[in-house]
Amino acid sequence: MIVVLKNGTPVDEITRLSKELSETWGVTIEKSVGKHKVVLGMIGETATLDRLQIQKFSPWIEQVLRVEKPFKRVSREFRNGEASEVVVPTPNGHVYFGEHHPLVVVAGPCSVENEEMIVETAKRVKAAGAQFLRGGAYKPRTSPYAFQGHGESALDLLAAAREATGLGIITEVMDTADLTAVARVADVIQVGARNMHNFSLLKKVGAQDKPVLLKRGMSATIDEWLMAAEYILASGNPNVIFCERGIRTFDGKYARNTLDLSVLPVLRSLTHLPIMIDPSHGTGRSEYVAPMAMAAIAAGTDSLMMRS
């Protein structure tokens, strides 16, 4: 349930109302400040609450609405229809992810090999216009015999690339045991497709304050993806970016995955959170990356992630 306040509601009244609603109904109050409205989210057992009774708590209440979807905090309704933004401080300045901001470009290699390679790559992607460097220190592999990244030593190399270029760093965490080390270097922590349903990991990344890039699972429905994000927000971290990286379908002959660009209008209608598209993993073919990136921009993506 959300309480939408009128424009110009005094700060003291917001504080008083939040406290009174919490004490009266035994709920947790989460305040969202949008461009036009302040919204108080009531988290807890609200199914039996009377909206008209809540309306009487203050003349500054514009309306009281129920959030019917199972993903409460993630829902666009939770912010009364307004989009949110994720702000990431980097050495080159703050970068804003969101539908009312310029396109954010993320680029870099699949895995971090050595310092010369990652620093040179960082310089090139910066020159090409990227604001973030992506690179894997820990790599999930289908085969246990495949290269799985250099681990913590690769994080130090990403830190060196950040120091050399000022780019923000996006890298994946695969295990809760590695979260502290990853958070030390990453400006945005990635939860990969294979870990989208790792609820213990989702709770842990939700309990720290770095923004989280949540990739869609290979066979995940949109509702499952939204509920995975709900785990992160429910654990205390409101800064989540969705990333579509292709789904597994019946036809894998000509492309690695099927890049589902229909998620852009669908997610835009369902959630207030920013959306990124990864055409590199989404197609698995370098010649398809540019046309699918342009298609994603045309469909309204907030950000692009590309493998260099």
Protein backbone atom coordinates (compact mmCIF):
# COMPACT_ATOMS: atom_id res chain seq x y z
CA MET A 1 0.00 0.00 0.00
CA ILE A 2 1.26 3.51 -0.77
CA VAL A 3 0.34 6.93 0.56
CA VAL A 4 0.77 9.68 -2.05
CA LEU A 5 1.36 13.12 -0.53
CA LYS A 6 0.39 16.45 -2.04
CA ASN A 7 2.97 18.77 -3.57
CA GLY A 8 4.56 20.97 -0.95
CA THR A 9 3.97 18.67 2.02
CA PRO A 10 6.21 20.00 4.84
CA VAL A 11 9.12 17.81 5.94
CA ASP A 12 7.88 17.86 9.54
CA GLU A 13 4.49 16.57 8.40
CA ILE A 14 6.11 13.74 6.42
CA THR A 15 8.10 12.74 9.51
CA ARG A 16 5.06 12.93 11.78
CA LEU A 17 2.85 10.99 9.39
CA SER A 18 5.47 8.28 8.82
CA LYS A 19 5.83 7.75 12.56
CA GLU A 20 2.09 7.73 13.20
CA LEU A 21 1.33 5.29 10.38
CA SER A 22 4.10 2.97 11.56
CA GLU A 23 3.03 3.02 15.20
CA THR A 24 -0.70 2.72 14.47
CA TRP A 25 -0.58 -0.11 11.95
CA GLY A 26 2.68 -1.86 12.83
CA VAL A 27 4.12 -1.39 9.35
CA THR A 28 7.47 -0.26 8.00
CA ILE A 29 7.42 3.05 6.13
CA GLU A 30 9.66 3.59 3.10
CA LYS A 31 9.81 7.09 1.66
CA SER A 32 10.30 7.64 -2.08
CA VAL A 33 10.98 11.16 -3.31
CA GLY A 34 10.04 11.54 -6.98
CA LYS A 35 10.23 14.50 -9.31
CA HIS A 36 6.65 15.47 -8.53
CA LYS A 37 5.47 13.58 -5.45
CA VAL A 38 6.60 12.11 -2.16
CA VAL A 39 5.27 8.58 -1.69
CA LEU A 40 5.19 6.66 1.59
CA GLY A 41 5.24 2.90 1.08
CA MET A 42 3.58 0.89 3.84
CA ILE A 43 5.34 -2.49 4.11
CA GLY A 44 3.71 -5.26 6.13
CA GLU A 45 0.24 -6.68 6.66
CA THR A 46 -1.86 -4.10 4.83
CA ALA A 47 -4.53 -6.26 3.16
CA THR A 48 -7.19 -5.43 5.76
CA LEU A 49 -6.36 -1.75 6.21
CA ASP A 50 -9.05 0.79 5.33
CA ARG A 51 -7.79 3.33 2.79
CA LEU A 52 -10.36 5.93 3.84
CA GLN A 53 -9.28 5.65 7.45
CA ILE A 54 -5.65 6.20 6.47
CA GLN A 55 -6.68 9.19 4.35
CA LYS A 56 -7.93 10.90 7.53
CA PHE A 57 -4.48 10.85 9.13
CA SER A 58 -3.44 14.07 7.37
CA PRO A 59 -4.90 16.76 5.09
CA TRP A 60 -1.67 16.48 3.10
CA ILE A 61 -2.54 12.98 1.86
CA GLU A 62 -3.60 13.11 -1.78
CA GLN A 63 -4.58 9.45 -2.15
CA VAL A 64 -4.01 5.98 -0.72
CA LEU A 65 -3.48 3.13 -3.20
CA ARG A 66 -2.99 -0.61 -2.97
CA VAL A 67 -0.06 -2.26 -4.77
CA GLU A 68 -1.62 -5.44 -6.08
CA LYS A 69 1.46 -7.02 -7.68
CA PRO A 70 3.55 -9.57 -5.73
CA PHE A 71 6.70 -7.50 -6.38
CA LYS A 72 5.87 -4.54 -4.16
CA ARG A 73 8.99 -2.36 -3.93
CA VAL A 74 10.01 -3.11 -7.52
CA SER A 75 6.57 -2.19 -8.89
CA ARG A 76 6.13 1.10 -10.70
CA GLU A 77 2.98 1.55 -8.62
CA PHE A 78 5.18 1.77 -5.52
CA ARG A 79 6.45 5.13 -6.81
CA ASN A 80 3.04 6.25 -8.07
CA GLY A 81 4.08 5.70 -11.68
CA GLU A 82 7.36 7.61 -11.54
CA ALA A 83 10.67 6.17 -12.73
CA SER A 84 13.60 5.96 -10.35
CA GLU A 85 17.27 6.50 -11.10
CA VAL A 86 20.41 4.74 -9.96
CA VAL A 87 23.28 7.13 -9.31
CA VAL A 88 26.80 5.69 -9.36
CA PRO A 89 29.80 7.76 -8.22
CA THR A 90 32.90 7.15 -10.36
CA PRO A 91 36.29 8.93 -10.51
CA ASN A 92 35.05 10.69 -13.67
CA GLY A 93 31.90 11.93 -11.95
CA HIS A 94 28.44 10.67 -11.08
CA VAL A 95 26.72 8.49 -13.70
CA TYR A 96 22.92 8.31 -13.79
CA PHE A 97 21.01 5.23 -14.95
CA GLY A 98 17.34 5.86 -15.71
CA GLU A 99 14.78 6.57 -18.39
CA HIS A 100 15.15 10.35 -18.04
CA HIS A 101 18.94 10.29 -18.45
CA PRO A 102 21.34 9.82 -21.40
CA LEU A 103 22.32 6.33 -22.50
CA VAL A 104 25.01 4.73 -20.32
CA VAL A 105 27.53 2.53 -22.14
CA VAL A 106 29.37 -0.35 -20.46
CA ALA A 107 32.12 -2.24 -22.30
CA GLY A 108 35.02 -4.55 -21.62
CA PRO A 109 36.33 -8.10 -21.88
CA CYS A 110 34.69 -11.29 -20.72
CA SER A 111 37.51 -11.96 -18.25
CA VAL A 112 40.48 -10.07 -16.87
CA GLU A 113 43.71 -11.66 -18.14
CA ASN A 114 46.57 -9.34 -17.12
CA GLU A 115 47.21 -5.70 -16.21
CA GLU A 116 48.47 -4.57 -19.62
CA MET A 117 45.42 -6.04 -21.34
CA ILE A 118 42.80 -4.64 -18.97
CA VAL A 119 44.32 -1.15 -18.71
CA GLU A 120 44.69 -0.87 -22.50
CA THR A 121 41.13 -2.11 -22.97
CA ALA A 122 39.87 0.41 -20.43
CA LYS A 123 41.58 3.25 -22.28
CA ARG A 124 40.04 2.15 -25.57
CA VAL A 125 36.49 1.74 -24.28
CA LYS A 126 36.77 5.13 -22.59
CA ALA A 127 37.92 6.70 -25.86
CA ALA A 128 34.93 5.08 -27.56
CA GLY A 129 32.55 6.77 -25.11
CA ALA A 130 31.93 4.17 -22.41
CA GLN A 131 31.42 5.27 -18.81
CA PHE A 132 32.00 1.83 -17.27
CA LEU A 133 34.46 -1.01 -17.72
CA ARG A 134 33.14 -4.53 -17.34
CA GLY A 135 35.43 -7.47 -16.71
CA GLY A 136 35.15 -10.83 -15.00
CA ALA A 137 37.35 -11.71 -12.05
CA TYR A 138 35.17 -14.71 -11.21
CA LYS A 139 33.65 -16.51 -14.20
CA PRO A 140 30.78 -19.02 -14.13
CA ARG A 141 31.48 -21.84 -16.58
CA THR A 142 29.42 -24.80 -17.72
CA SER A 143 32.49 -27.05 -17.55
CA PRO A 144 34.43 -27.42 -14.28
CA TYR A 145 37.60 -27.70 -16.39
CA ALA A 146 37.19 -24.35 -18.15
CA PHE A 147 39.02 -21.19 -17.06
CA GLN A 148 37.04 -19.59 -14.23
CA GLY A 149 38.86 -16.31 -13.80
CA HIS A 150 41.84 -15.14 -11.76
CA GLY A 151 39.71 -14.27 -8.74
CA GLU A 152 40.90 -11.69 -6.24
CA SER A 153 44.10 -10.89 -8.14
CA ALA A 154 41.93 -9.87 -11.11
CA LEU A 155 40.05 -7.46 -8.85
CA ASP A 156 43.34 -5.67 -8.21
CA LEU A 157 43.83 -5.37 -11.98
CA LEU A 158 40.35 -3.86 -12.35
CA ALA A 159 41.27 -1.37 -9.63
CA ALA A 160 44.38 -0.44 -11.62
CA ALA A 161 42.26 0.13 -14.74
CA ARG A 162 39.90 2.32 -12.72
CA GLU A 163 42.86 4.32 -11.43
CA ALA A 164 44.27 4.76 -14.94
CA THR A 165 41.05 5.83 -16.66
CA GLY A 166 38.50 6.95 -14.06
CA LEU A 167 35.95 4.51 -15.46
CA GLY A 168 33.45 2.90 -13.14
CA ILE A 169 33.87 -0.86 -12.66
CA ILE A 170 31.18 -3.51 -13.11
CA THR A 171 32.14 -7.05 -12.17
CA GLU A 172 30.32 -10.19 -11.12
CA VAL A 173 30.06 -11.78 -7.69
CA MET A 174 29.32 -15.51 -7.70
CA ASP A 175 29.61 -16.42 -4.04
CA THR A 176 28.68 -14.68 -0.81
CA ALA A 177 32.20 -15.43 0.45
CA ASP A 178 33.64 -13.13 -2.25
CA LEU A 179 31.20 -10.25 -1.81
CA THR A 180 33.40 -8.11 0.45
CA ALA A 181 36.35 -8.37 -1.94
CA VAL A 182 34.21 -7.60 -4.99
CA ALA A 183 32.49 -4.66 -3.28
CA ARG A 184 35.89 -3.19 -2.44
CA VAL A 185 36.60 -2.68 -6.17
CA ALA A 186 33.26 -2.67 -7.99
CA ASP A 187 31.17 0.46 -8.43
CA VAL A 188 28.30 -1.78 -9.56
CA ILE A 189 28.08 -5.43 -8.47
CA GLN A 190 26.78 -7.83 -11.09
CA VAL A 191 24.63 -10.85 -10.26
CA GLY A 192 24.87 -13.07 -13.31
CA ALA A 193 22.19 -15.07 -15.09
CA ARG A 194 23.17 -18.32 -13.38
CA ASN A 195 22.78 -16.72 -9.96
CA MET A 196 19.50 -14.90 -10.52
CA HIS A 197 17.78 -17.53 -8.36
CA ASN A 198 20.55 -17.66 -5.74
CA PHE A 199 18.40 -16.16 -3.01
CA SER A 200 21.14 -16.19 -0.36
CA LEU A 201 23.34 -14.13 -2.68
CA LEU A 202 20.47 -11.78 -3.55
CA LYS A 203 19.89 -11.09 0.15
CA LYS A 204 23.58 -10.43 0.74
CA VAL A 205 23.97 -7.98 -2.16
CA GLY A 206 20.76 -6.35 -0.93
CA ALA A 207 22.30 -5.83 2.49
CA GLN A 208 25.27 -3.81 1.14
CA ASP A 209 25.09 -0.36 -0.44
CA LYS A 210 26.73 -0.76 -3.87
CA PRO A 211 24.28 -0.71 -6.83
CA VAL A 212 23.42 -4.13 -8.24
CA LEU A 213 23.18 -5.17 -11.89
CA LEU A 214 20.75 -8.10 -12.03
CA LYS A 215 20.99 -10.21 -15.18
CA ARG A 216 18.00 -12.23 -16.30
CA GLY A 217 18.27 -15.99 -15.91
CA MET A 218 18.56 -17.99 -19.11
CA SER A 219 15.05 -19.42 -18.77
CA ALA A 220 13.56 -16.95 -16.30
CA THR A 221 10.13 -15.43 -16.77
CA ILE A 222 9.73 -11.71 -16.32
CA ASP A 223 7.83 -12.23 -13.06
CA GLU A 224 10.66 -14.41 -11.70
CA TRP A 225 13.17 -11.72 -12.66
CA LEU A 226 11.12 -9.02 -10.95
CA MET A 227 10.78 -11.14 -7.81
CA ALA A 228 14.55 -11.69 -7.75
CA ALA A 229 14.96 -7.91 -7.72
CA GLU A 230 12.37 -7.74 -4.94
CA TYR A 231 14.70 -9.85 -2.78
CA ILE A 232 17.41 -7.21 -3.18
CA LEU A 233 15.14 -4.25 -2.45
CA ALA A 234 13.50 -6.05 0.48
CA SER A 235 16.98 -6.53 1.96
CA GLY A 236 17.56 -2.78 1.95
CA ASN A 237 19.23 -1.89 -1.36
CA PRO A 238 17.01 0.21 -3.68
CA ASN A 239 19.65 0.57 -6.41
CA VAL A 240 19.02 -2.23 -8.89
CA ILE A 241 19.47 -2.23 -12.67
CA PHE A 242 17.86 -4.96 -14.77
CA CYS A 243 19.98 -6.46 -17.56
CA GLU A 244 18.49 -8.52 -20.39
CA ARG A 245 21.22 -10.80 -21.80
CA GLY A 246 19.25 -13.20 -23.94
CA ILE A 247 17.13 -16.22 -23.09
CA ARG A 248 17.35 -19.85 -24.12
CA THR A 249 14.83 -20.83 -26.79
CA PHE A 250 14.33 -23.69 -29.23
CA ASP A 251 16.60 -22.19 -31.92
CA GLY A 252 20.28 -21.85 -31.06
CA LYS A 253 21.68 -22.45 -34.52
CA TYR A 254 22.32 -18.88 -35.65
CA ALA A 255 22.66 -17.02 -32.35
CA ARG A 256 23.84 -18.04 -28.89
CA ASN A 257 20.61 -16.83 -27.27
CA THR A 258 17.42 -15.02 -28.20
CA LEU A 259 17.71 -11.37 -27.19
CA ASP A 260 14.30 -10.46 -25.80
CA LEU A 261 13.87 -6.76 -26.60
CA SER A 262 10.18 -6.97 -25.74
CA VAL A 263 11.27 -6.71 -22.10
CA LEU A 264 11.88 -2.99 -22.62
CA PRO A 265 8.24 -1.87 -22.97
CA VAL A 266 7.09 -4.63 -20.61
CA LEU A 267 9.49 -3.71 -17.79
CA ARG A 268 8.90 -0.02 -18.40
CA SER A 269 5.22 -0.57 -17.60
CA LEU A 270 5.85 -2.80 -14.58
CA THR A 271 8.85 -1.35 -12.73
CA HIS A 272 10.42 1.99 -11.90
CA LEU A 273 13.97 0.58 -12.10
CA PRO A 274 16.47 1.21 -14.95
CA ILE A 275 16.99 -1.31 -17.76
CA MET A 276 20.18 -2.41 -19.55
CA ILE A 277 20.52 -4.56 -22.67
CA ASP A 278 23.51 -6.85 -23.36
CA PRO A 279 23.53 -7.61 -27.12
CA SER A 280 26.90 -9.38 -26.92
CA HIS A 281 25.76 -12.27 -24.73
CA GLY A 282 22.28 -11.91 -26.18
CA THR A 283 23.45 -12.95 -29.65
CA GLY A 284 26.93 -14.42 -29.19
CA ARG A 285 27.92 -13.10 -32.63
CA SER A 286 30.00 -9.95 -33.04
CA GLU A 287 28.33 -9.05 -36.34
CA TYR A 288 24.93 -8.92 -34.63
CA VAL A 289 25.95 -6.67 -31.74
CA ALA A 290 25.68 -3.30 -33.51
CA PRO A 291 22.24 -3.86 -35.09
CA MET A 292 20.80 -5.28 -31.86
CA ALA A 293 22.33 -2.42 -29.86
CA MET A 294 20.66 0.08 -32.18
CA ALA A 295 17.39 -1.82 -31.90
CA ALA A 296 17.67 -1.68 -28.11
CA ILE A 297 18.24 2.08 -28.22
CA ALA A 298 15.23 2.49 -30.50
CA ALA A 299 13.15 0.46 -28.04
CA GLY A 300 14.20 2.74 -25.18
CA THR A 301 16.99 1.04 -23.24
CA ASP A 302 18.66 3.08 -20.50
CA SER A 303 22.03 1.38 -20.94
CA LEU A 304 24.05 -0.99 -23.13
CA MET A 305 26.64 -3.57 -22.09
CA MET A 306 29.01 -4.80 -24.79
CA ARG A 307 31.90 -7.21 -24.83
CA SER A 308 35.05 -5.70 -26.31
